[in-house]
Amino acid sequence: MKKPELLVTPGSVAEIRKQIEAGADAFLIGEQRYGLRLAGEFSREDIKEAITIAHEQGKKVYVAVNAIFHNDIANELDDYVAFVKEANADAIVFGDPAVIMAVREAAPGFPLHWSPETIATNYYTANYWGKRGAVRAVLARELSMDAVIETKEQADIQIEVQVHGMTCMFQSKRPLLGHYFEYMGKNLEIEKRHGAQNMLLHDEERSNKYPIYEDANGTHIMSPNDMCIIDELQEMVEAGIDSFKIDGVLQTEEYRIATTTLYRKAIDLCVENPDQYEEEKEDMLQAAEALQQEHRPLDSGFFFKETVY
């Protein structure tokens, strides 16, 4: 049985070394100008250093080039893609066809992971992009377990699935927080909104708190709960899912490393000792729950149609 890749989103170059020790197989990094909702900001020098560290340990690095591009940034893609290839990254994560055009111009044949967020919902579209250069599809977070497995069975390319972390519910290119603070006459607070991790929209009726933050790509509202299926991995492992992703955006380094350690154990047991996994999976779920902030419970996302936002 094939062991799926454990993909994580580190917050810094220094964290990568710790994540390798925790059991990560691959890393998704980049800079906000070109990538969406990254756990950390990686300059070009940071990216080169991260790739060197990872490759020394036999790990992989994928660079996010999946932002919403307007003409000014799209015209920079040839240069950035050429840099990513020269830095020896293992793949580019993209959603916009403009990236494919840049790769054809600046880095022909460079591996691409198709990640268009909510519209990666069927194997027909995954295979369409596979014929145009993608070697992997990153599935939407809103799919059921049955849909994920059916897509894997019919896909001609690798399949990546998020198994842990918060998900994005809304994005706008507009600086909505800044506009709000300006409207309320609180100009001094605008300086603090970039990268803030403690701003929440409170839905009192449902007792939900939605993280909201603003960065170079606009305003993002995130899910009130964190997805966690550490106790439901076996079926996807047996189906041959290629990559399990832990999304660590807006989390601490300590949280990300502890979560990686838990999923490393779970994946290894699924492949090497399924009976022991069945015996221990409830304990691993409880360990994951113990890491959570009080206002962020765990759920299984849309895998079993339990979550309705």
C-alpha atoms as a PDB file:
ATOM      1  CA  MET A   1       0.000   0.000   0.000  1.00  0.00           C
ATOM      2  CA  LYS A   2       1.305   3.412  -0.994  1.00  0.00           C
ATOM      3  CA  LYS A   3       1.985   5.852   1.827  1.00  0.00           C
ATOM      4  CA  PRO A   4       0.464   9.284   1.101  1.00  0.00           C
ATOM      5  CA  GLU A   5       2.597  12.383   1.319  1.00  0.00           C
ATOM      6  CA  LEU A   6       2.185  14.541   4.424  1.00  0.00           C
ATOM      7  CA  LEU A   7       2.156  18.148   3.189  1.00  0.00           C
ATOM      8  CA  VAL A   8       2.372  21.045   5.658  1.00  0.00           C
ATOM      9  CA  THR A   9       2.432  24.840   5.532  1.00  0.00           C
ATOM     10  CA  PRO A  10       5.341  26.183   7.629  1.00  0.00           C
ATOM     11  CA  GLY A  11       5.524  29.718   8.923  1.00  0.00           C
ATOM     12  CA  SER A  12       9.257  30.211   8.500  1.00  0.00           C
ATOM     13  CA  VAL A  13      12.481  28.662   7.236  1.00  0.00           C
ATOM     14  CA  ALA A  14      13.445  27.753  10.797  1.00  0.00           C
ATOM     15  CA  GLU A  15      10.181  25.873  11.246  1.00  0.00           C
ATOM     16  CA  ILE A  16      10.940  23.648   8.261  1.00  0.00           C
ATOM     17  CA  ARG A  17      13.761  21.908  10.137  1.00  0.00           C
ATOM     18  CA  LYS A  18      11.387  21.207  13.050  1.00  0.00           C
ATOM     19  CA  GLN A  19       8.654  19.998  10.698  1.00  0.00           C
ATOM     20  CA  ILE A  20      11.070  17.565   9.080  1.00  0.00           C
ATOM     21  CA  GLU A  21      11.785  16.117  12.518  1.00  0.00           C
ATOM     22  CA  ALA A  22       8.027  15.943  13.154  1.00  0.00           C
ATOM     23  CA  GLY A  23       7.554  13.854  10.016  1.00  0.00           C
ATOM     24  CA  ALA A  24       6.535  16.211   7.208  1.00  0.00           C
ATOM     25  CA  ASP A  25       7.225  15.021   3.656  1.00  0.00           C
ATOM     26  CA  ALA A  26       6.607  18.255   1.747  1.00  0.00           C
ATOM     27  CA  PHE A  27       6.101  21.985   2.272  1.00  0.00           C
ATOM     28  CA  LEU A  28       3.914  24.623   0.648  1.00  0.00           C
ATOM     29  CA  ILE A  29       5.521  28.068   0.798  1.00  0.00           C
ATOM     30  CA  GLY A  30       5.645  31.333  -1.127  1.00  0.00           C
ATOM     31  CA  GLU A  31       5.147  35.061  -0.883  1.00  0.00           C
ATOM     32  CA  GLN A  32       1.825  36.857  -0.565  1.00  0.00           C
ATOM     33  CA  ARG A  33       2.293  38.745  -3.819  1.00  0.00           C
ATOM     34  CA  TYR A  34       1.832  35.492  -5.722  1.00  0.00           C
ATOM     35  CA  GLY A  35       0.306  33.006  -3.251  1.00  0.00           C
ATOM     36  CA  LEU A  36      -2.924  32.807  -1.265  1.00  0.00           C
ATOM     37  CA  ARG A  37      -3.369  32.339   2.479  1.00  0.00           C
ATOM     38  CA  LEU A  38       0.136  31.221   3.333  1.00  0.00           C
ATOM     39  CA  ALA A  39       1.139  30.366   6.880  1.00  0.00           C
ATOM     40  CA  GLY A  40       4.282  32.489   6.491  1.00  0.00           C
ATOM     41  CA  GLU A  41       5.868  35.004   4.154  1.00  0.00           C
ATOM     42  CA  PHE A  42       8.870  33.592   2.254  1.00  0.00           C
ATOM     43  CA  SER A  43      11.112  35.949   0.291  1.00  0.00           C
ATOM     44  CA  ARG A  44      13.068  34.643  -2.681  1.00  0.00           C
ATOM     45  CA  GLU A  45      16.082  34.084  -0.458  1.00  0.00           C
ATOM     46  CA  ASP A  46      13.884  32.280   2.054  1.00  0.00           C
ATOM     47  CA  ILE A  47      12.507  30.052  -0.682  1.00  0.00           C
ATOM     48  CA  LYS A  48      15.971  29.097  -1.882  1.00  0.00           C
ATOM     49  CA  GLU A  49      17.078  28.317   1.666  1.00  0.00           C
ATOM     50  CA  ALA A  50      13.937  26.304   2.368  1.00  0.00           C
ATOM     51  CA  ILE A  51      14.449  24.212  -0.769  1.00  0.00           C
ATOM     52  CA  THR A  52      18.075  23.527   0.146  1.00  0.00           C
ATOM     53  CA  ILE A  53      17.108  22.402   3.665  1.00  0.00           C
ATOM     54  CA  ALA A  54      14.257  20.212   2.439  1.00  0.00           C
ATOM     55  CA  HIS A  55      16.195  18.568  -0.362  1.00  0.00           C
ATOM     56  CA  GLU A  56      19.077  17.721   1.962  1.00  0.00           C
ATOM     57  CA  GLN A  57      16.575  15.576   3.891  1.00  0.00           C
ATOM     58  CA  GLY A  58      14.845  14.130   0.842  1.00  0.00           C
ATOM     59  CA  LYS A  59      11.745  16.328   1.254  1.00  0.00           C
ATOM     60  CA  LYS A  60       9.871  18.404  -1.331  1.00  0.00           C
ATOM     61  CA  VAL A  61       8.959  22.071  -1.610  1.00  0.00           C
ATOM     62  CA  TYR A  62       6.033  23.448  -3.606  1.00  0.00           C
ATOM     63  CA  VAL A  63       5.766  27.176  -4.293  1.00  0.00           C
ATOM     64  CA  ALA A  64       2.339  28.826  -4.266  1.00  0.00           C
ATOM     65  CA  VAL A  65       1.578  30.912  -7.370  1.00  0.00           C
ATOM     66  CA  ASN A  66      -2.182  30.760  -6.912  1.00  0.00           C
ATOM     67  CA  ALA A  67      -3.257  34.321  -6.128  1.00  0.00           C
ATOM     68  CA  ILE A  68      -5.948  36.200  -8.036  1.00  0.00           C
ATOM     69  CA  PHE A  69      -3.885  37.986 -10.660  1.00  0.00           C
ATOM     70  CA  HIS A  70      -4.611  41.275 -12.362  1.00  0.00           C
ATOM     71  CA  ASN A  71      -2.621  42.432 -15.372  1.00  0.00           C
ATOM     72  CA  ASP A  72       0.180  44.080 -13.411  1.00  0.00           C
ATOM     73  CA  ILE A  73       1.036  40.931 -11.455  1.00  0.00           C
ATOM     74  CA  ALA A  74       0.321  38.596 -14.371  1.00  0.00           C
ATOM     75  CA  ASN A  75       3.028  40.426 -16.311  1.00  0.00           C
ATOM     76  CA  GLU A  76       5.526  39.472 -13.572  1.00  0.00           C
ATOM     77  CA  LEU A  77       4.820  35.742 -13.717  1.00  0.00           C
ATOM     78  CA  ASP A  78       7.455  34.844 -16.295  1.00  0.00           C
ATOM     79  CA  ASP A  79      10.153  36.240 -14.037  1.00  0.00           C
ATOM     80  CA  TYR A  80       8.795  34.601 -10.883  1.00  0.00           C
ATOM     81  CA  VAL A  81       8.314  31.225 -12.559  1.00  0.00           C
ATOM     82  CA  ALA A  82      11.859  31.371 -13.898  1.00  0.00           C
ATOM     83  CA  PHE A  83      13.080  32.063 -10.343  1.00  0.00           C
ATOM     84  CA  VAL A  84      11.110  29.115  -8.927  1.00  0.00           C
ATOM     85  CA  LYS A  85      12.630  26.782 -11.507  1.00  0.00           C
ATOM     86  CA  GLU A  86      16.132  28.115 -10.911  1.00  0.00           C
ATOM     87  CA  ALA A  87      15.636  27.674  -7.145  1.00  0.00           C
ATOM     88  CA  ASN A  88      14.951  23.981  -7.864  1.00  0.00           C
ATOM     89  CA  ALA A  89      11.464  23.793  -6.338  1.00  0.00           C
ATOM     90  CA  ASP A  90       9.545  20.582  -6.883  1.00  0.00           C
ATOM     91  CA  ALA A  91       6.320  22.094  -8.243  1.00  0.00           C
ATOM     92  CA  ILE A  92       4.268  25.266  -8.633  1.00  0.00           C
ATOM     93  CA  VAL A  93       0.765  25.406  -7.159  1.00  0.00           C
ATOM     94  CA  PHE A  94      -1.528  27.392  -9.469  1.00  0.00           C
ATOM     95  CA  GLY A  95      -5.148  28.228 -10.178  1.00  0.00           C
ATOM     96  CA  ASP A  96      -4.937  30.764 -13.007  1.00  0.00           C
ATOM     97  CA  PRO A  97      -4.185  29.662 -16.603  1.00  0.00           C
ATOM     98  CA  ALA A  98      -1.842  32.663 -16.794  1.00  0.00           C
ATOM     99  CA  VAL A  99       0.595  30.585 -14.751  1.00  0.00           C
ATOM    100  CA  ILE A 100       0.528  27.810 -17.341  1.00  0.00           C
ATOM    101  CA  MET A 101       1.369  30.344 -20.034  1.00  0.00           C
ATOM    102  CA  ALA A 102       4.237  31.674 -17.919  1.00  0.00           C
ATOM    103  CA  VAL A 103       5.565  28.152 -17.335  1.00  0.00           C
ATOM    104  CA  ARG A 104       5.470  27.393 -21.070  1.00  0.00           C
ATOM    105  CA  GLU A 105       7.469  30.552 -21.689  1.00  0.00           C
ATOM    106  CA  ALA A 106       9.934  30.516 -18.783  1.00  0.00           C
ATOM    107  CA  ALA A 107      10.081  26.918 -17.526  1.00  0.00           C
ATOM    108  CA  PRO A 108       8.715  24.430 -20.075  1.00  0.00           C
ATOM    109  CA  GLY A 109       7.672  21.137 -18.529  1.00  0.00           C
ATOM    110  CA  PHE A 110       7.909  22.353 -14.930  1.00  0.00           C
ATOM    111  CA  PRO A 111       5.538  20.357 -12.627  1.00  0.00           C
ATOM    112  CA  LEU A 112       2.237  22.056 -11.809  1.00  0.00           C
ATOM    113  CA  HIS A 113      -0.345  21.392  -9.092  1.00  0.00           C
ATOM    114  CA  TRP A 114      -3.816  22.660 -10.046  1.00  0.00           C
ATOM    115  CA  SER A 115      -5.436  24.325  -7.017  1.00  0.00           C
ATOM    116  CA  PRO A 116      -8.446  26.510  -7.911  1.00  0.00           C
ATOM    117  CA  GLU A 117     -10.051  26.310  -4.441  1.00  0.00           C
ATOM    118  CA  THR A 118     -13.808  25.629  -4.597  1.00  0.00           C
ATOM    119  CA  ILE A 119     -14.104  24.618  -8.265  1.00  0.00           C
ATOM    120  CA  ALA A 120     -11.919  21.479  -8.112  1.00  0.00           C
ATOM    121  CA  THR A 121     -14.964  19.263  -7.664  1.00  0.00           C
ATOM    122  CA  ASN A 122     -14.807  16.592 -10.392  1.00  0.00           C
ATOM    123  CA  TYR A 123     -12.317  14.350 -12.172  1.00  0.00           C
ATOM    124  CA  TYR A 124     -13.254  15.621 -15.656  1.00  0.00           C
ATOM    125  CA  THR A 125     -11.854  19.063 -14.869  1.00  0.00           C
ATOM    126  CA  ALA A 126      -8.863  17.590 -13.064  1.00  0.00           C
ATOM    127  CA  ASN A 127      -8.032  15.525 -16.132  1.00  0.00           C
ATOM    128  CA  TYR A 128      -8.572  18.569 -18.371  1.00  0.00           C
ATOM    129  CA  TRP A 129      -5.821  20.430 -16.521  1.00  0.00           C
ATOM    130  CA  GLY A 130      -3.749  17.269 -16.444  1.00  0.00           C
ATOM    131  CA  LYS A 131      -3.626  17.363 -20.229  1.00  0.00           C
ATOM    132  CA  ARG A 132      -2.380  20.934 -20.000  1.00  0.00           C
ATOM    133  CA  GLY A 133       0.545  20.350 -17.697  1.00  0.00           C
ATOM    134  CA  ALA A 134      -0.813  19.671 -14.200  1.00  0.00           C
ATOM    135  CA  VAL A 135       0.553  16.591 -12.443  1.00  0.00           C
ATOM    136  CA  ARG A 136      -1.712  17.013  -9.393  1.00  0.00           C
ATOM    137  CA  ALA A 137      -5.170  18.344  -8.536  1.00  0.00           C
ATOM    138  CA  VAL A 138      -5.867  19.874  -5.125  1.00  0.00           C
ATOM    139  CA  LEU A 139      -9.505  19.017  -4.454  1.00  0.00           C
ATOM    140  CA  ALA A 140     -12.067  21.440  -3.066  1.00  0.00           C
ATOM    141  CA  ARG A 141     -12.648  21.256   0.680  1.00  0.00           C
ATOM    142  CA  GLU A 142     -16.415  20.973   0.145  1.00  0.00           C
ATOM    143  CA  LEU A 143     -16.379  17.383  -1.176  1.00  0.00           C
ATOM    144  CA  SER A 144     -17.702  14.306   0.582  1.00  0.00           C
ATOM    145  CA  MET A 145     -15.497  11.274   1.215  1.00  0.00           C
ATOM    146  CA  ASP A 146     -17.306   9.342  -1.526  1.00  0.00           C
ATOM    147  CA  ALA A 147     -16.699  12.142  -4.040  1.00  0.00           C
ATOM    148  CA  VAL A 148     -13.008  12.321  -3.115  1.00  0.00           C
ATOM    149  CA  ILE A 149     -12.531   8.594  -3.603  1.00  0.00           C
ATOM    150  CA  GLU A 150     -14.494   8.527  -6.868  1.00  0.00           C
ATOM    151  CA  THR A 151     -12.357  11.392  -8.172  1.00  0.00           C
ATOM    152  CA  LYS A 152      -9.174   9.524  -7.257  1.00  0.00           C
ATOM    153  CA  GLU A 153     -10.423   6.386  -9.033  1.00  0.00           C
ATOM    154  CA  GLN A 154     -11.067   8.299 -12.256  1.00  0.00           C
ATOM    155  CA  ALA A 155      -8.276  10.878 -12.210  1.00  0.00           C
ATOM    156  CA  ASP A 156      -5.248  10.585 -14.463  1.00  0.00           C
ATOM    157  CA  ILE A 157      -3.170  12.779 -12.162  1.00  0.00           C
ATOM    158  CA  GLN A 158      -2.257  12.861  -8.466  1.00  0.00           C
ATOM    159  CA  ILE A 159      -4.900  13.924  -5.937  1.00  0.00           C
ATOM    160  CA  GLU A 160      -4.277  16.103  -2.882  1.00  0.00           C
ATOM    161  CA  VAL A 161      -6.800  16.462  -0.048  1.00  0.00           C
ATOM    162  CA  GLN A 162      -6.815  18.745   2.972  1.00  0.00           C
ATOM    163  CA  VAL A 163      -7.273  16.714   6.148  1.00  0.00           C
ATOM    164  CA  HIS A 164      -6.741  19.315   8.871  1.00  0.00           C
ATOM    165  CA  GLY A 165      -7.044  23.033   9.494  1.00  0.00           C
ATOM    166  CA  MET A 166      -9.339  25.950   8.772  1.00  0.00           C
ATOM    167  CA  THR A 167     -10.827  26.642   5.354  1.00  0.00           C
ATOM    168  CA  CYS A 168     -11.611  29.888   3.564  1.00  0.00           C
ATOM    169  CA  MET A 169     -15.296  30.818   3.342  1.00  0.00           C
ATOM    170  CA  PHE A 170     -14.940  34.211   1.649  1.00  0.00           C
ATOM    171  CA  GLN A 171     -12.320  36.323  -0.080  1.00  0.00           C
ATOM    172  CA  SER A 172     -12.460  39.792  -1.543  1.00  0.00           C
ATOM    173  CA  LYS A 173      -9.661  41.677  -3.229  1.00  0.00           C
ATOM    174  CA  ARG A 174     -10.984  44.777  -1.456  1.00  0.00           C
ATOM    175  CA  PRO A 175      -9.444  45.860   1.887  1.00  0.00           C
ATOM    176  CA  LEU A 176     -12.753  45.519   3.723  1.00  0.00           C
ATOM    177  CA  LEU A 177     -11.264  45.785   7.197  1.00  0.00           C
ATOM    178  CA  GLY A 178      -9.427  48.953   6.317  1.00  0.00           C
ATOM    179  CA  HIS A 179     -12.558  50.483   4.826  1.00  0.00           C
ATOM    180  CA  TYR A 180     -14.539  49.545   7.920  1.00  0.00           C
ATOM    181  CA  PHE A 181     -12.026  51.051  10.328  1.00  0.00           C
ATOM    182  CA  GLU A 182     -11.837  54.221   8.243  1.00  0.00           C
ATOM    183  CA  TYR A 183     -15.640  54.453   8.221  1.00  0.00           C
ATOM    184  CA  MET A 184     -15.686  54.070  12.005  1.00  0.00           C
ATOM    185  CA  GLY A 185     -12.999  56.724  12.359  1.00  0.00           C
ATOM    186  CA  LYS A 186     -10.457  54.303  13.795  1.00  0.00           C
ATOM    187  CA  ASN A 187      -7.544  55.021  11.497  1.00  0.00           C
ATOM    188  CA  LEU A 188      -4.934  54.013  14.042  1.00  0.00           C
ATOM    189  CA  GLU A 189      -6.212  50.430  14.052  1.00  0.00           C
ATOM    190  CA  ILE A 190      -5.622  50.016  10.325  1.00  0.00           C
ATOM    191  CA  GLU A 191      -1.909  49.622  10.904  1.00  0.00           C
ATOM    192  CA  LYS A 192      -2.556  46.545  13.043  1.00  0.00           C
ATOM    193  CA  ARG A 193      -4.896  44.676  10.733  1.00  0.00           C
ATOM    194  CA  HIS A 194      -2.245  43.182   8.404  1.00  0.00           C
ATOM    195  CA  GLY A 195      -1.437  39.670   9.535  1.00  0.00           C
ATOM    196  CA  ALA A 196      -3.569  39.966  12.664  1.00  0.00           C
ATOM    197  CA  GLN A 197      -4.473  36.566  14.061  1.00  0.00           C
ATOM    198  CA  ASN A 198      -6.954  37.540  16.749  1.00  0.00           C
ATOM    199  CA  MET A 199      -9.730  39.276  14.802  1.00  0.00           C
ATOM    200  CA  LEU A 200     -13.032  37.407  14.848  1.00  0.00           C
ATOM    201  CA  LEU A 201     -16.516  37.923  13.425  1.00  0.00           C
ATOM    202  CA  HIS A 202     -18.898  36.767  16.164  1.00  0.00           C
ATOM    203  CA  ASP A 203     -22.174  35.124  15.145  1.00  0.00           C
ATOM    204  CA  GLU A 204     -24.007  35.144  18.484  1.00  0.00           C
ATOM    205  CA  GLU A 205     -27.034  33.251  17.142  1.00  0.00           C
ATOM    206  CA  ARG A 206     -24.912  30.206  16.218  1.00  0.00           C
ATOM    207  CA  SER A 207     -22.137  30.844  18.766  1.00  0.00           C
ATOM    208  CA  ASN A 208     -19.599  30.855  15.936  1.00  0.00           C
ATOM    209  CA  LYS A 209     -16.458  32.964  15.693  1.00  0.00           C
ATOM    210  CA  TYR A 210     -15.024  33.437  12.210  1.00  0.00           C
ATOM    211  CA  PRO A 211     -11.368  34.511  11.900  1.00  0.00           C
ATOM    212  CA  ILE A 212     -11.000  37.455   9.528  1.00  0.00           C
ATOM    213  CA  TYR A 213      -7.780  39.001   8.292  1.00  0.00           C
ATOM    214  CA  GLU A 214      -6.397  41.185   5.557  1.00  0.00           C
ATOM    215  CA  ASP A 215      -3.197  40.773   3.550  1.00  0.00           C
ATOM    216  CA  ALA A 216      -1.771  41.645   0.145  1.00  0.00           C
ATOM    217  CA  ASN A 217      -4.493  39.568  -1.526  1.00  0.00           C
ATOM    218  CA  GLY A 218      -7.408  41.286   0.189  1.00  0.00           C
ATOM    219  CA  THR A 219      -9.790  40.210   2.943  1.00  0.00           C
ATOM    220  CA  HIS A 220     -10.316  36.598   4.048  1.00  0.00           C
ATOM    221  CA  ILE A 221     -13.024  35.143   6.290  1.00  0.00           C
ATOM    222  CA  MET A 222     -12.229  31.661   7.562  1.00  0.00           C
ATOM    223  CA  SER A 223     -14.334  28.791   8.864  1.00  0.00           C
ATOM    224  CA  PRO A 224     -15.370  28.827  12.559  1.00  0.00           C
ATOM    225  CA  ASN A 225     -14.168  25.244  13.091  1.00  0.00           C
ATOM    226  CA  ASP A 226     -11.025  23.364  12.128  1.00  0.00           C
ATOM    227  CA  MET A 227     -11.371  20.333   9.902  1.00  0.00           C
ATOM    228  CA  CYS A 228      -9.863  17.158  11.364  1.00  0.00           C
ATOM    229  CA  ILE A 229     -10.202  13.626  10.023  1.00  0.00           C
ATOM    230  CA  ILE A 230      -7.244  12.016  11.748  1.00  0.00           C
ATOM    231  CA  ASP A 231      -9.622   9.206  12.754  1.00  0.00           C
ATOM    232  CA  GLU A 232     -11.018   8.723   9.220  1.00  0.00           C
ATOM    233  CA  LEU A 233      -7.894   8.362   7.076  1.00  0.00           C
ATOM    234  CA  GLN A 234      -7.951   4.633   6.339  1.00  0.00           C
ATOM    235  CA  GLU A 235     -10.408   4.682   3.439  1.00  0.00           C
ATOM    236  CA  MET A 236      -8.511   7.413   1.620  1.00  0.00           C
ATOM    237  CA  VAL A 237      -5.169   5.700   2.230  1.00  0.00           C
ATOM    238  CA  GLU A 238      -6.570   2.507   0.745  1.00  0.00           C
ATOM    239  CA  ALA A 239      -7.960   4.495  -2.198  1.00  0.00           C
ATOM    240  CA  GLY A 240      -4.449   5.754  -2.957  1.00  0.00           C
ATOM    241  CA  ILE A 241      -4.855   9.481  -2.260  1.00  0.00           C
ATOM    242  CA  ASP A 242      -1.444  10.936  -3.042  1.00  0.00           C
ATOM    243  CA  SER A 243      -1.145  13.793  -0.554  1.00  0.00           C
ATOM    244  CA  PHE A 244      -2.718  14.770   2.773  1.00  0.00           C
ATOM    245  CA  LYS A 245      -2.412  18.466   3.584  1.00  0.00           C
ATOM    246  CA  ILE A 246      -2.404  20.156   6.976  1.00  0.00           C
ATOM    247  CA  ASP A 247      -3.236  23.848   6.571  1.00  0.00           C
ATOM    248  CA  GLY A 248      -1.592  25.862   9.347  1.00  0.00           C
ATOM    249  CA  VAL A 249      -2.658  29.384   8.407  1.00  0.00           C
ATOM    250  CA  LEU A 250      -3.280  31.616  11.467  1.00  0.00           C
ATOM    251  CA  GLN A 251      -1.866  28.941  13.777  1.00  0.00           C
ATOM    252  CA  THR A 252       1.253  28.960  15.936  1.00  0.00           C
ATOM    253  CA  GLU A 253       4.415  27.080  15.092  1.00  0.00           C
ATOM    254  CA  GLU A 254       3.902  24.858  18.122  1.00  0.00           C
ATOM    255  CA  TYR A 255       0.399  23.944  16.972  1.00  0.00           C
ATOM    256  CA  ARG A 256       1.536  23.116  13.447  1.00  0.00           C
ATOM    257  CA  ILE A 257       4.396  20.910  14.633  1.00  0.00           C
ATOM    258  CA  ALA A 258       2.236  19.045  17.148  1.00  0.00           C
ATOM    259  CA  THR A 259      -0.416  18.423  14.494  1.00  0.00           C
ATOM    260  CA  THR A 260       2.180  17.170  12.028  1.00  0.00           C
ATOM    261  CA  THR A 261       3.483  14.738  14.643  1.00  0.00           C
ATOM    262  CA  LEU A 262      -0.031  13.330  15.182  1.00  0.00           C
ATOM    263  CA  TYR A 263      -0.758  12.873  11.486  1.00  0.00           C
ATOM    264  CA  ARG A 264       2.663  11.320  10.889  1.00  0.00           C
ATOM    265  CA  LYS A 265       1.770   8.645  13.404  1.00  0.00           C
ATOM    266  CA  ALA A 266      -1.720   8.168  11.971  1.00  0.00           C
ATOM    267  CA  ILE A 267      -0.537   7.812   8.366  1.00  0.00           C
ATOM    268  CA  ASP A 268       2.231   5.388   9.287  1.00  0.00           C
ATOM    269  CA  LEU A 269      -0.195   3.212  11.248  1.00  0.00           C
ATOM    270  CA  CYS A 270      -2.767   3.259   8.441  1.00  0.00           C
ATOM    271  CA  VAL A 271      -0.195   1.822   6.044  1.00  0.00           C
ATOM    272  CA  GLU A 272       1.929  -0.358   8.309  1.00  0.00           C
ATOM    273  CA  ASN A 273      -0.515  -1.543  10.969  1.00  0.00           C
ATOM    274  CA  PRO A 274      -4.196  -0.818  10.173  1.00  0.00           C
ATOM    275  CA  ASP A 275      -5.458  -2.782  13.168  1.00  0.00           C
ATOM    276  CA  GLN A 276      -3.382  -0.652  15.537  1.00  0.00           C
ATOM    277  CA  TYR A 277      -4.649   2.477  13.780  1.00  0.00           C
ATOM    278  CA  GLU A 278      -8.213   1.384  14.519  1.00  0.00           C
ATOM    279  CA  GLU A 279      -7.288   0.873  18.150  1.00  0.00           C
ATOM    280  CA  GLU A 280      -5.528   4.230  18.556  1.00  0.00           C
ATOM    281  CA  LYS A 281      -7.394   6.599  16.255  1.00  0.00           C
ATOM    282  CA  GLU A 282      -9.787   7.802  18.958  1.00  0.00           C
ATOM    283  CA  ASP A 283      -6.843   8.664  21.197  1.00  0.00           C
ATOM    284  CA  MET A 284      -5.226  10.588  18.342  1.00  0.00           C
ATOM    285  CA  LEU A 285      -8.454  12.508  17.785  1.00  0.00           C
ATOM    286  CA  GLN A 286      -8.557  13.423  21.463  1.00  0.00           C
ATOM    287  CA  ALA A 287      -4.942  14.558  21.266  1.00  0.00           C
ATOM    288  CA  ALA A 288      -5.849  16.783  18.311  1.00  0.00           C
ATOM    289  CA  GLU A 289      -8.818  18.208  20.217  1.00  0.00           C
ATOM    290  CA  ALA A 290      -6.524  19.056  23.138  1.00  0.00           C
ATOM    291  CA  LEU A 291      -4.509  21.344  20.830  1.00  0.00           C
ATOM    292  CA  GLN A 292      -7.523  23.460  19.878  1.00  0.00           C
ATOM    293  CA  GLN A 293      -8.376  26.947  21.075  1.00  0.00           C
ATOM    294  CA  GLU A 294     -11.547  27.017  23.126  1.00  0.00           C
ATOM    295  CA  HIS A 295     -13.508  28.861  20.444  1.00  0.00           C
ATOM    296  CA  ARG A 296     -12.358  26.569  17.593  1.00  0.00           C
ATOM    297  CA  PRO A 297     -13.855  23.082  17.874  1.00  0.00           C
ATOM    298  CA  LEU A 298     -12.963  20.319  15.444  1.00  0.00           C
ATOM    299  CA  ASP A 299     -15.313  18.838  12.867  1.00  0.00           C
ATOM    300  CA  SER A 300     -15.003  16.617   9.815  1.00  0.00           C
ATOM    301  CA  GLY A 301     -15.638  19.384   7.297  1.00  0.00           C
ATOM    302  CA  PHE A 302     -17.759  18.239   4.376  1.00  0.00           C
ATOM    303  CA  PHE A 303     -16.420  14.679   4.300  1.00  0.00           C
ATOM    304  CA  PHE A 304     -19.644  13.390   5.851  1.00  0.00           C
ATOM    305  CA  LYS A 305     -21.851  16.408   5.140  1.00  0.00           C
ATOM    306  CA  GLU A 306     -21.878  17.441   8.781  1.00  0.00           C
ATOM    307  CA  THR A 307     -20.743  21.026   8.363  1.00  0.00           C
ATOM    308  CA  VAL A 308     -23.099  23.742   7.141  1.00  0.00           C
ATOM    309  CA  TYR A 309     -21.703  27.268   7.169  1.00  0.00           C
END
